[in-house]
Amino acid sequence: MIGLFKVKEKQREQAQNASRGGGGGGASVKKHSAGELRLHKDISELNLPSSCTISFPNGKDDLMNFEVSIKPDDGYYHNGTFAFTFQVSPVYPHEAPKVKCKTKVYHPNIDLEGNVCLNILREDWKPVLNINTVIYGLFHLFTEPNSEDPLNHDAAQVLRDNPKLFETNVRRAMTGGYVGQTFFPRCI
């Protein structure tokens, strides 16, 4: 375990040195961190469902920041479109990517600020996991929301106590409307 911490620390130092542009004159060749190399491999091997797309708003030179769009084809969130931002650390895969939902959504596992409650982005992250796994995890949150591990406790309670009302609330939110005092922009 101590060896892993040393590896992480060394990777952080290398990433910091690379971002400072430490070097000795002449033509500069951009060095890629181990995290960038692994991420490039992960992206080249993506096997996404047809309802998920990935885009690079900063261009292909910035693989560490990208967006994923998920359009569930089943479940409560059928036909909605949900956008997520991914920020990947230079020490990836030793650290999980930071994922935020850009779409305001009525969901037990996504709060109104876009924070996502997905175990593999927290305590269950392991370096053997990859971006494909995270995207499938996010997709799964829309096909089977988890009321047992909520960020939005109100939505989770409604899902547990009254699934029909939960479905009505999801539809109201997705078509652009209020659920309680909160307005949700249209995402269908």
N, C-alpha and C. Protein backbone atom coordinates (compact mmCIF):
# COMPACT_ATOMS: atom_id res chain seq x y z
N MET A 1 0.83 -1.19 0.00
CA MET A 1 0.00 0.00 0.00
C MET A 1 0.87 1.25 0.00
N ILE A 2 1.95 1.24 0.76
CA ILE A 2 2.84 2.39 0.81
C ILE A 2 3.46 2.63 -0.55
N GLY A 3 3.79 1.55 -1.26
CA GLY A 3 4.34 1.67 -2.61
C GLY A 3 3.38 2.41 -3.53
N LEU A 4 2.09 2.17 -3.39
CA LEU A 4 1.09 2.83 -4.21
C LEU A 4 1.09 4.34 -3.95
N PHE A 5 1.19 4.72 -2.66
CA PHE A 5 1.22 6.14 -2.33
C PHE A 5 2.45 6.81 -2.92
N LYS A 6 3.58 6.11 -2.91
CA LYS A 6 4.80 6.67 -3.50
C LYS A 6 4.63 6.84 -5.00
N VAL A 7 3.99 5.88 -5.65
CA VAL A 7 3.75 5.97 -7.09
C VAL A 7 2.85 7.17 -7.38
N LYS A 8 1.78 7.33 -6.59
CA LYS A 8 0.87 8.45 -6.79
C LYS A 8 1.60 9.78 -6.60
N GLU A 9 2.41 9.85 -5.55
CA GLU A 9 3.14 11.09 -5.26
C GLU A 9 4.11 11.41 -6.40
N LYS A 10 4.82 10.39 -6.88
CA LYS A 10 5.76 10.60 -7.97
C LYS A 10 5.02 11.06 -9.24
N GLN A 11 3.86 10.47 -9.52
CA GLN A 11 3.08 10.88 -10.69
C GLN A 11 2.60 12.31 -10.55
N ARG A 12 2.19 12.70 -9.34
CA ARG A 12 1.76 14.09 -9.13
C ARG A 12 2.92 15.05 -9.38
N GLU A 13 4.11 14.71 -8.85
CA GLU A 13 5.28 15.55 -9.06
C GLU A 13 5.60 15.68 -10.55
N GLN A 14 5.55 14.54 -11.27
CA GLN A 14 5.83 14.58 -12.70
C GLN A 14 4.80 15.44 -13.43
N ALA A 15 3.55 15.31 -13.03
CA ALA A 15 2.50 16.11 -13.67
C ALA A 15 2.71 17.59 -13.39
N GLN A 16 3.08 17.93 -12.16
CA GLN A 16 3.34 19.34 -11.83
C GLN A 16 4.53 19.87 -12.60
N ASN A 17 5.59 19.08 -12.67
CA ASN A 17 6.77 19.51 -13.42
C ASN A 17 6.45 19.69 -14.90
N ALA A 18 5.65 18.78 -15.44
CA ALA A 18 5.27 18.88 -16.85
C ALA A 18 4.43 20.12 -17.10
N SER A 19 3.53 20.44 -16.15
CA SER A 19 2.66 21.61 -16.36
C SER A 19 3.44 22.91 -16.20
N ARG A 20 4.55 22.89 -15.44
CA ARG A 20 5.39 24.09 -15.30
C ARG A 20 6.26 24.31 -16.53
N GLY A 21 6.34 23.27 -17.35
CA GLY A 21 7.14 23.39 -18.57
C GLY A 21 8.62 23.35 -18.27
N GLY A 22 8.99 22.63 -17.23
CA GLY A 22 10.42 22.52 -16.88
C GLY A 22 11.17 21.87 -18.01
N GLY A 23 12.18 22.52 -18.49
CA GLY A 23 12.94 21.94 -19.59
C GLY A 23 14.09 22.84 -19.94
N GLY A 24 14.94 22.36 -20.76
CA GLY A 24 16.14 23.11 -21.08
C GLY A 24 16.21 23.54 -22.52
N GLY A 25 15.46 24.54 -22.90
CA GLY A 25 15.58 25.18 -24.22
C GLY A 25 15.35 24.24 -25.38
N GLY A 26 15.46 24.78 -26.58
CA GLY A 26 15.28 23.98 -27.80
C GLY A 26 13.83 23.71 -28.07
N ALA A 27 13.61 22.90 -29.07
CA ALA A 27 12.24 22.55 -29.45
C ALA A 27 11.61 21.72 -28.34
N SER A 28 10.40 22.06 -27.98
CA SER A 28 9.76 21.31 -26.89
C SER A 28 8.78 20.30 -27.46
N VAL A 29 8.85 19.11 -26.90
CA VAL A 29 7.92 18.06 -27.25
C VAL A 29 7.07 17.82 -26.02
N LYS A 30 5.75 17.86 -26.19
CA LYS A 30 4.88 17.70 -25.04
C LYS A 30 4.97 16.26 -24.54
N LYS A 31 5.33 16.16 -23.26
CA LYS A 31 5.37 14.84 -22.64
C LYS A 31 4.00 14.55 -22.07
N HIS A 32 3.57 13.32 -22.22
CA HIS A 32 2.27 12.93 -21.70
C HIS A 32 2.46 12.22 -20.37
N SER A 33 1.60 12.56 -19.40
CA SER A 33 1.64 11.87 -18.12
C SER A 33 1.14 10.44 -18.30
N ALA A 34 1.43 9.62 -17.31
CA ALA A 34 0.94 8.24 -17.36
C ALA A 34 -0.59 8.24 -17.43
N GLY A 35 -1.21 9.20 -16.74
CA GLY A 35 -2.67 9.32 -16.76
C GLY A 35 -3.19 9.63 -18.14
N GLU A 36 -2.50 10.52 -18.87
CA GLU A 36 -2.93 10.87 -20.24
C GLU A 36 -2.79 9.66 -21.16
N LEU A 37 -1.70 8.93 -21.00
CA LEU A 37 -1.48 7.74 -21.84
C LEU A 37 -2.56 6.69 -21.58
N ARG A 38 -2.86 6.46 -20.31
CA ARG A 38 -3.89 5.47 -19.97
C ARG A 38 -5.26 5.94 -20.48
N LEU A 39 -5.54 7.23 -20.31
CA LEU A 39 -6.83 7.76 -20.77
C LEU A 39 -6.96 7.62 -22.28
N HIS A 40 -5.89 7.90 -23.00
CA HIS A 40 -5.90 7.76 -24.46
C HIS A 40 -6.24 6.32 -24.84
N LYS A 41 -5.64 5.37 -24.14
CA LYS A 41 -5.91 3.95 -24.38
C LYS A 41 -7.38 3.65 -24.08
N ASP A 42 -7.87 4.13 -22.92
CA ASP A 42 -9.27 3.88 -22.54
C ASP A 42 -10.23 4.43 -23.58
N ILE A 43 -9.97 5.65 -24.05
CA ILE A 43 -10.87 6.28 -25.02
C ILE A 43 -10.83 5.53 -26.35
N SER A 44 -9.65 5.08 -26.75
CA SER A 44 -9.55 4.36 -28.02
C SER A 44 -10.27 3.01 -27.94
N GLU A 45 -10.45 2.48 -26.74
CA GLU A 45 -11.11 1.18 -26.57
C GLU A 45 -12.56 1.30 -26.11
N LEU A 46 -13.13 2.51 -26.12
CA LEU A 46 -14.51 2.68 -25.66
C LEU A 46 -15.46 1.80 -26.44
N ASN A 47 -16.41 1.25 -25.73
CA ASN A 47 -17.44 0.41 -26.33
C ASN A 47 -18.77 0.86 -25.75
N LEU A 48 -19.24 2.03 -26.20
CA LEU A 48 -20.42 2.65 -25.60
C LEU A 48 -21.71 2.15 -26.22
N PRO A 49 -22.77 2.14 -25.40
CA PRO A 49 -24.08 1.84 -25.99
C PRO A 49 -24.45 2.96 -26.96
N SER A 50 -25.33 2.68 -27.90
CA SER A 50 -25.69 3.67 -28.92
C SER A 50 -26.34 4.91 -28.30
N SER A 51 -26.82 4.81 -27.07
CA SER A 51 -27.47 5.94 -26.42
C SER A 51 -26.48 6.85 -25.69
N CYS A 52 -25.18 6.59 -25.82
CA CYS A 52 -24.16 7.41 -25.17
C CYS A 52 -23.18 7.95 -26.21
N THR A 53 -22.83 9.23 -26.07
CA THR A 53 -21.84 9.83 -26.96
C THR A 53 -20.80 10.57 -26.14
N ILE A 54 -19.61 10.72 -26.70
CA ILE A 54 -18.53 11.42 -26.03
C ILE A 54 -18.08 12.55 -26.95
N SER A 55 -17.74 13.69 -26.35
CA SER A 55 -17.24 14.81 -27.16
C SER A 55 -16.13 15.52 -26.39
N PHE A 56 -15.29 16.23 -27.13
CA PHE A 56 -14.14 16.93 -26.57
C PHE A 56 -14.27 18.42 -26.90
N PRO A 57 -14.93 19.18 -26.01
CA PRO A 57 -15.18 20.60 -26.30
C PRO A 57 -13.91 21.42 -26.47
N ASN A 58 -12.81 21.00 -25.87
CA ASN A 58 -11.54 21.73 -25.99
C ASN A 58 -10.66 21.18 -27.10
N GLY A 59 -11.20 20.26 -27.90
CA GLY A 59 -10.43 19.66 -28.98
C GLY A 59 -9.71 18.40 -28.53
N LYS A 60 -9.19 17.67 -29.50
CA LYS A 60 -8.54 16.38 -29.23
C LYS A 60 -7.22 16.53 -28.47
N ASP A 61 -6.70 17.77 -28.36
CA ASP A 61 -5.46 17.96 -27.61
C ASP A 61 -5.70 17.94 -26.10
N ASP A 62 -6.95 18.06 -25.68
CA ASP A 62 -7.27 18.04 -24.25
C ASP A 62 -8.17 16.85 -23.96
N LEU A 63 -7.56 15.68 -23.86
CA LEU A 63 -8.32 14.47 -23.57
C LEU A 63 -8.74 14.41 -22.11
N MET A 64 -8.10 15.19 -21.25
CA MET A 64 -8.35 15.10 -19.81
C MET A 64 -9.68 15.75 -19.41
N ASN A 65 -10.29 16.49 -20.31
CA ASN A 65 -11.58 17.14 -20.04
C ASN A 65 -12.50 16.85 -21.22
N PHE A 66 -13.58 16.15 -20.93
CA PHE A 66 -14.51 15.81 -22.01
C PHE A 66 -15.93 15.73 -21.47
N GLU A 67 -16.86 15.55 -22.38
CA GLU A 67 -18.27 15.47 -22.01
C GLU A 67 -18.86 14.17 -22.55
N VAL A 68 -19.80 13.66 -21.79
CA VAL A 68 -20.53 12.46 -22.20
C VAL A 68 -22.01 12.79 -22.14
N SER A 69 -22.73 12.42 -23.18
CA SER A 69 -24.17 12.61 -23.24
C SER A 69 -24.84 11.24 -23.18
N ILE A 70 -25.83 11.13 -22.30
CA ILE A 70 -26.54 9.86 -22.14
C ILE A 70 -28.01 10.10 -22.43
N LYS A 71 -28.57 9.27 -23.33
CA LYS A 71 -29.98 9.35 -23.67
C LYS A 71 -30.59 7.96 -23.42
N PRO A 72 -31.10 7.74 -22.19
CA PRO A 72 -31.62 6.41 -21.85
C PRO A 72 -32.73 5.96 -22.77
N ASP A 73 -32.69 4.68 -23.14
CA ASP A 73 -33.72 4.13 -24.03
C ASP A 73 -34.72 3.27 -23.26
N ASP A 74 -34.68 3.35 -21.93
CA ASP A 74 -35.54 2.53 -21.10
C ASP A 74 -35.67 3.20 -19.72
N GLY A 75 -36.68 2.84 -18.99
CA GLY A 75 -36.82 3.28 -17.60
C GLY A 75 -37.48 4.64 -17.44
N TYR A 76 -37.41 5.18 -16.23
CA TYR A 76 -38.05 6.44 -15.88
C TYR A 76 -37.56 7.60 -16.76
N TYR A 77 -36.30 7.57 -17.17
CA TYR A 77 -35.68 8.70 -17.86
C TYR A 77 -35.62 8.52 -19.38
N HIS A 78 -36.44 7.61 -19.89
CA HIS A 78 -36.52 7.29 -21.31
C HIS A 78 -36.62 8.57 -22.15
N ASN A 79 -35.75 8.69 -23.15
CA ASN A 79 -35.71 9.80 -24.11
C ASN A 79 -35.18 11.13 -23.58
N GLY A 80 -34.83 11.19 -22.31
CA GLY A 80 -34.18 12.41 -21.81
C GLY A 80 -32.74 12.43 -22.28
N THR A 81 -32.13 13.61 -22.32
CA THR A 81 -30.72 13.72 -22.67
C THR A 81 -30.00 14.38 -21.51
N PHE A 82 -28.96 13.71 -21.01
CA PHE A 82 -28.26 14.16 -19.82
C PHE A 82 -26.77 14.28 -20.12
N ALA A 83 -26.23 15.46 -19.87
CA ALA A 83 -24.82 15.74 -20.18
C ALA A 83 -23.98 15.72 -18.91
N PHE A 84 -22.81 15.12 -19.02
CA PHE A 84 -21.87 15.02 -17.90
C PHE A 84 -20.51 15.55 -18.33
N THR A 85 -19.83 16.25 -17.42
CA THR A 85 -18.45 16.65 -17.67
C THR A 85 -17.54 15.70 -16.90
N PHE A 86 -16.42 15.39 -17.52
CA PHE A 86 -15.40 14.54 -16.90
C PHE A 86 -14.12 15.35 -16.81
N GLN A 87 -13.51 15.38 -15.64
CA GLN A 87 -12.17 15.95 -15.47
C GLN A 87 -11.30 14.83 -14.94
N VAL A 88 -10.26 14.53 -15.69
CA VAL A 88 -9.41 13.40 -15.35
C VAL A 88 -8.07 13.93 -14.85
N SER A 89 -7.64 13.43 -13.72
CA SER A 89 -6.39 13.84 -13.09
C SER A 89 -5.19 13.22 -13.80
N PRO A 90 -4.04 13.89 -13.75
CA PRO A 90 -2.82 13.31 -14.33
C PRO A 90 -2.41 11.98 -13.67
N VAL A 91 -2.92 11.71 -12.46
CA VAL A 91 -2.57 10.45 -11.79
C VAL A 91 -3.59 9.35 -12.06
N TYR A 92 -4.54 9.61 -12.97
CA TYR A 92 -5.46 8.57 -13.41
C TYR A 92 -4.65 7.39 -13.92
N PRO A 93 -4.97 6.19 -13.62
CA PRO A 93 -6.17 5.62 -13.04
C PRO A 93 -6.10 5.42 -11.52
N HIS A 94 -5.11 6.01 -10.88
CA HIS A 94 -5.01 5.85 -9.43
C HIS A 94 -6.00 6.73 -8.70
N GLU A 95 -6.63 7.62 -9.41
CA GLU A 95 -7.66 8.50 -8.88
C GLU A 95 -8.83 8.48 -9.86
N ALA A 96 -10.04 8.41 -9.33
CA ALA A 96 -11.23 8.39 -10.19
C ALA A 96 -11.40 9.74 -10.88
N PRO A 97 -11.99 9.74 -12.07
CA PRO A 97 -12.29 11.02 -12.71
C PRO A 97 -13.34 11.78 -11.89
N LYS A 98 -13.33 13.09 -12.02
CA LYS A 98 -14.35 13.93 -11.38
C LYS A 98 -15.46 14.11 -12.41
N VAL A 99 -16.68 13.73 -12.01
CA VAL A 99 -17.80 13.74 -12.93
C VAL A 99 -18.91 14.62 -12.37
N LYS A 100 -19.45 15.49 -13.20
CA LYS A 100 -20.57 16.36 -12.82
C LYS A 100 -21.65 16.26 -13.88
N CYS A 101 -22.90 16.31 -13.44
CA CYS A 101 -24.02 16.33 -14.37
C CYS A 101 -24.35 17.78 -14.69
N LYS A 102 -24.29 18.15 -15.98
CA LYS A 102 -24.60 19.52 -16.41
C LYS A 102 -26.10 19.75 -16.54
N THR A 103 -26.85 18.68 -16.66
CA THR A 103 -28.30 18.76 -16.83
C THR A 103 -28.96 18.70 -15.46
N LYS A 104 -29.77 19.69 -15.16
CA LYS A 104 -30.50 19.66 -13.89
C LYS A 104 -31.56 18.56 -13.98
N VAL A 105 -31.49 17.64 -13.04
CA VAL A 105 -32.34 16.44 -13.15
C VAL A 105 -32.91 16.06 -11.78
N TYR A 106 -34.14 15.58 -11.80
CA TYR A 106 -34.78 15.05 -10.59
C TYR A 106 -34.38 13.59 -10.49
N HIS A 107 -33.41 13.31 -9.63
CA HIS A 107 -32.84 11.97 -9.56
C HIS A 107 -32.33 11.70 -8.14
N PRO A 108 -32.56 10.51 -7.60
CA PRO A 108 -32.09 10.23 -6.24
C PRO A 108 -30.56 10.24 -6.10
N ASN A 109 -29.84 9.96 -7.17
CA ASN A 109 -28.38 9.83 -7.08
C ASN A 109 -27.62 11.01 -7.68
N ILE A 110 -28.35 12.07 -8.07
CA ILE A 110 -27.73 13.27 -8.61
C ILE A 110 -28.39 14.46 -7.94
N ASP A 111 -27.59 15.30 -7.27
CA ASP A 111 -28.21 16.45 -6.59
C ASP A 111 -28.40 17.61 -7.56
N LEU A 112 -29.01 18.67 -7.07
CA LEU A 112 -29.37 19.80 -7.94
C LEU A 112 -28.15 20.59 -8.40
N GLU A 113 -26.99 20.37 -7.78
CA GLU A 113 -25.74 21.01 -8.20
C GLU A 113 -24.98 20.17 -9.22
N GLY A 114 -25.49 18.97 -9.51
CA GLY A 114 -24.86 18.11 -10.51
C GLY A 114 -23.88 17.09 -9.94
N ASN A 115 -23.76 17.03 -8.62
CA ASN A 115 -22.90 16.01 -8.01
C ASN A 115 -23.54 14.64 -8.21
N VAL A 116 -22.70 13.65 -8.45
CA VAL A 116 -23.17 12.31 -8.79
C VAL A 116 -22.75 11.34 -7.69
N CYS A 117 -23.71 10.55 -7.23
CA CYS A 117 -23.44 9.52 -6.22
C CYS A 117 -23.37 8.18 -6.94
N LEU A 118 -22.14 7.78 -7.23
CA LEU A 118 -21.90 6.49 -7.88
C LEU A 118 -20.69 5.88 -7.18
N ASN A 119 -20.88 4.73 -6.58
CA ASN A 119 -19.84 4.14 -5.72
C ASN A 119 -18.48 4.01 -6.40
N ILE A 120 -18.45 3.74 -7.70
CA ILE A 120 -17.15 3.57 -8.36
C ILE A 120 -16.43 4.90 -8.57
N LEU A 121 -17.11 6.02 -8.33
CA LEU A 121 -16.44 7.31 -8.38
C LEU A 121 -15.92 7.72 -7.00
N ARG A 122 -16.19 6.90 -6.01
CA ARG A 122 -15.77 7.20 -4.63
C ARG A 122 -14.98 6.02 -4.07
N GLU A 123 -15.57 5.41 -3.05
CA GLU A 123 -14.86 4.38 -2.28
C GLU A 123 -14.56 3.11 -3.06
N ASP A 124 -15.32 2.80 -4.08
CA ASP A 124 -15.10 1.55 -4.82
C ASP A 124 -14.24 1.72 -6.07
N TRP A 125 -13.63 2.91 -6.24
CA TRP A 125 -12.75 3.11 -7.40
C TRP A 125 -11.50 2.26 -7.25
N LYS A 126 -11.11 1.63 -8.34
CA LYS A 126 -9.86 0.85 -8.39
C LYS A 126 -9.20 1.15 -9.73
N PRO A 127 -7.88 1.15 -9.78
CA PRO A 127 -7.18 1.46 -11.04
C PRO A 127 -7.52 0.54 -12.20
N VAL A 128 -8.08 -0.63 -11.93
CA VAL A 128 -8.45 -1.52 -13.04
C VAL A 128 -9.72 -1.05 -13.74
N LEU A 129 -10.47 -0.15 -13.08
CA LEU A 129 -11.67 0.40 -13.72
C LEU A 129 -11.25 1.43 -14.76
N ASN A 130 -12.17 1.77 -15.65
CA ASN A 130 -11.81 2.72 -16.71
C ASN A 130 -13.01 3.61 -17.05
N ILE A 131 -12.82 4.48 -18.03
CA ILE A 131 -13.86 5.43 -18.42
C ILE A 131 -15.10 4.69 -18.91
N ASN A 132 -14.93 3.62 -19.64
CA ASN A 132 -16.06 2.82 -20.12
C ASN A 132 -16.92 2.36 -18.94
N THR A 133 -16.27 1.89 -17.87
CA THR A 133 -16.98 1.43 -16.68
C THR A 133 -17.79 2.56 -16.06
N VAL A 134 -17.19 3.75 -15.98
CA VAL A 134 -17.87 4.90 -15.38
C VAL A 134 -19.09 5.27 -16.22
N ILE A 135 -18.95 5.31 -17.53
CA ILE A 135 -20.08 5.68 -18.39
C ILE A 135 -21.21 4.66 -18.26
N TYR A 136 -20.88 3.37 -18.22
CA TYR A 136 -21.91 2.36 -18.01
C TYR A 136 -22.56 2.51 -16.64
N GLY A 137 -21.77 2.89 -15.63
CA GLY A 137 -22.32 3.13 -14.29
C GLY A 137 -23.32 4.28 -14.31
N LEU A 138 -22.97 5.36 -15.01
CA LEU A 138 -23.88 6.51 -15.12
C LEU A 138 -25.15 6.10 -15.87
N PHE A 139 -24.98 5.36 -16.97
CA PHE A 139 -26.12 4.89 -17.75
C PHE A 139 -27.05 4.05 -16.86
N HIS A 140 -26.45 3.21 -16.04
CA HIS A 140 -27.21 2.33 -15.14
C HIS A 140 -28.02 3.15 -14.11
N LEU A 141 -27.48 4.30 -13.69
CA LEU A 141 -28.23 5.15 -12.75
C LEU A 141 -29.55 5.61 -13.35
N PHE A 142 -29.60 5.75 -14.67
CA PHE A 142 -30.83 6.20 -15.31
C PHE A 142 -31.79 5.05 -15.57
N THR A 143 -31.28 3.86 -15.76
CA THR A 143 -32.18 2.72 -15.99
C THR A 143 -32.66 2.12 -14.67
N GLU A 144 -31.83 2.24 -13.63
CA GLU A 144 -32.22 1.73 -12.31
C GLU A 144 -31.70 2.66 -11.22
N PRO A 145 -32.40 3.77 -10.95
CA PRO A 145 -31.95 4.68 -9.88
C PRO A 145 -31.90 3.95 -8.54
N ASN A 146 -30.95 4.33 -7.70
CA ASN A 146 -30.72 3.65 -6.43
C ASN A 146 -31.19 4.53 -5.28
N SER A 147 -32.33 4.20 -4.71
CA SER A 147 -32.86 5.00 -3.60
C SER A 147 -32.16 4.70 -2.28
N GLU A 148 -31.29 3.70 -2.25
CA GLU A 148 -30.60 3.33 -1.01
C GLU A 148 -29.30 4.11 -0.79
N ASP A 149 -28.83 4.82 -1.79
CA ASP A 149 -27.58 5.59 -1.68
C ASP A 149 -27.79 6.97 -2.32
N PRO A 150 -28.68 7.79 -1.69
CA PRO A 150 -29.10 9.01 -2.37
C PRO A 150 -28.24 10.24 -2.08
N LEU A 151 -28.26 11.16 -3.03
CA LEU A 151 -27.80 12.54 -2.81
C LEU A 151 -29.02 13.44 -2.70
N ASN A 152 -30.06 13.15 -3.48
CA ASN A 152 -31.33 13.88 -3.41
C ASN A 152 -32.27 13.00 -2.58
N HIS A 153 -32.31 13.28 -1.28
CA HIS A 153 -33.06 12.42 -0.35
C HIS A 153 -34.57 12.47 -0.61
N ASP A 154 -35.08 13.64 -1.04
CA ASP A 154 -36.52 13.75 -1.32
C ASP A 154 -36.91 12.84 -2.48
N ALA A 155 -36.13 12.89 -3.56
CA ALA A 155 -36.42 12.04 -4.73
C ALA A 155 -36.31 10.56 -4.34
N ALA A 156 -35.32 10.22 -3.51
CA ALA A 156 -35.13 8.83 -3.10
C ALA A 156 -36.33 8.35 -2.27
N GLN A 157 -36.82 9.21 -1.38
CA GLN A 157 -37.96 8.81 -0.55
C GLN A 157 -39.22 8.61 -1.41
N VAL A 158 -39.43 9.50 -2.38
CA VAL A 158 -40.59 9.35 -3.27
C VAL A 158 -40.46 8.05 -4.08
N LEU A 159 -39.25 7.76 -4.57
CA LEU A 159 -39.04 6.52 -5.32
C LEU A 159 -39.36 5.30 -4.46
N ARG A 160 -38.91 5.32 -3.20
CA ARG A 160 -39.17 4.19 -2.29
C ARG A 160 -40.65 4.07 -1.94
N ASP A 161 -41.29 5.21 -1.61
CA ASP A 161 -42.64 5.19 -1.05
C ASP A 161 -43.75 5.19 -2.11
N ASN A 162 -43.49 5.82 -3.26
CA ASN A 162 -44.54 5.98 -4.25
C ASN A 162 -43.94 6.04 -5.66
N PRO A 163 -43.56 4.88 -6.22
CA PRO A 163 -42.92 4.87 -7.54
C PRO A 163 -43.74 5.55 -8.64
N LYS A 164 -45.07 5.49 -8.56
CA LYS A 164 -45.90 6.16 -9.58
C LYS A 164 -45.72 7.68 -9.50
N LEU A 165 -45.71 8.24 -8.29
CA LEU A 165 -45.49 9.67 -8.11
C LEU A 165 -44.07 10.03 -8.57
N PHE A 166 -43.11 9.17 -8.28
CA PHE A 166 -41.73 9.41 -8.73
C PHE A 166 -41.70 9.52 -10.26
N GLU A 167 -42.37 8.59 -10.93
CA GLU A 167 -42.41 8.61 -12.39
C GLU A 167 -43.05 9.90 -12.90
N THR A 168 -44.13 10.33 -12.25
CA THR A 168 -44.80 11.59 -12.62
C THR A 168 -43.85 12.77 -12.43
N ASN A 169 -43.12 12.79 -11.31
CA ASN A 169 -42.17 13.88 -11.03
C ASN A 169 -41.04 13.91 -12.06
N VAL A 170 -40.53 12.74 -12.43
CA VAL A 170 -39.46 12.66 -13.43
C VAL A 170 -39.95 13.23 -14.76
N ARG A 171 -41.15 12.81 -15.19
CA ARG A 171 -41.71 13.30 -16.46
C ARG A 171 -41.91 14.81 -16.42
N ARG A 172 -42.45 15.31 -15.28
CA ARG A 172 -42.69 16.75 -15.14
C ARG A 172 -41.36 17.50 -15.25
N ALA A 173 -40.33 17.00 -14.57
CA ALA A 173 -39.02 17.66 -14.61
C ALA A 173 -38.41 17.60 -16.01
N MET A 174 -38.51 16.46 -16.67
CA MET A 174 -37.88 16.30 -17.98
C MET A 174 -38.57 17.13 -19.07
N THR A 175 -39.86 17.41 -18.91
CA THR A 175 -40.56 18.19 -19.92
C THR A 175 -40.49 19.69 -19.63
N GLY A 176 -39.78 20.05 -18.57
CA GLY A 176 -39.62 21.46 -18.24
C GLY A 176 -40.73 21.92 -17.32
N GLY A 177 -40.53 21.71 -16.04
CA GLY A 177 -41.56 22.10 -15.09
C GLY A 177 -41.05 22.04 -13.66
N TYR A 178 -41.95 22.33 -12.75
CA TYR A 178 -41.61 22.35 -11.33
C TYR A 178 -41.89 21.00 -10.70
N VAL A 179 -40.99 20.60 -9.79
CA VAL A 179 -41.26 19.51 -8.86
C VAL A 179 -41.05 20.17 -7.50
N GLY A 180 -42.14 20.33 -6.78
CA GLY A 180 -42.08 21.11 -5.53
C GLY A 180 -41.76 22.56 -5.89
N GLN A 181 -40.73 23.12 -5.26
CA GLN A 181 -40.34 24.50 -5.49
C GLN A 181 -39.21 24.62 -6.52
N THR A 182 -38.78 23.51 -7.09
CA THR A 182 -37.62 23.51 -7.97
C THR A 182 -38.05 23.40 -9.44
N PHE A 183 -37.54 24.33 -10.26
CA PHE A 183 -37.80 24.28 -11.69
C PHE A 183 -36.71 23.50 -12.40
N PHE A 184 -37.10 22.65 -13.33
CA PHE A 184 -36.19 21.86 -14.13
C PHE A 184 -36.37 22.23 -15.59
N PRO A 185 -35.29 22.63 -16.28
CA PRO A 185 -35.40 22.92 -17.72
C PRO A 185 -35.66 21.64 -18.51
N ARG A 186 -36.31 21.79 -19.63
CA ARG A 186 -36.66 20.67 -20.50
C ARG A 186 -35.38 19.93 -20.94
N CYS A 187 -35.43 18.61 -20.90
CA CYS A 187 -34.26 17.82 -21.37
C CYS A 187 -34.70 16.69 -22.28
N ILE A 188 -35.91 16.78 -22.80
CA ILE A 188 -36.41 15.76 -23.75
C ILE A 188 -36.35 16.36 -25.13
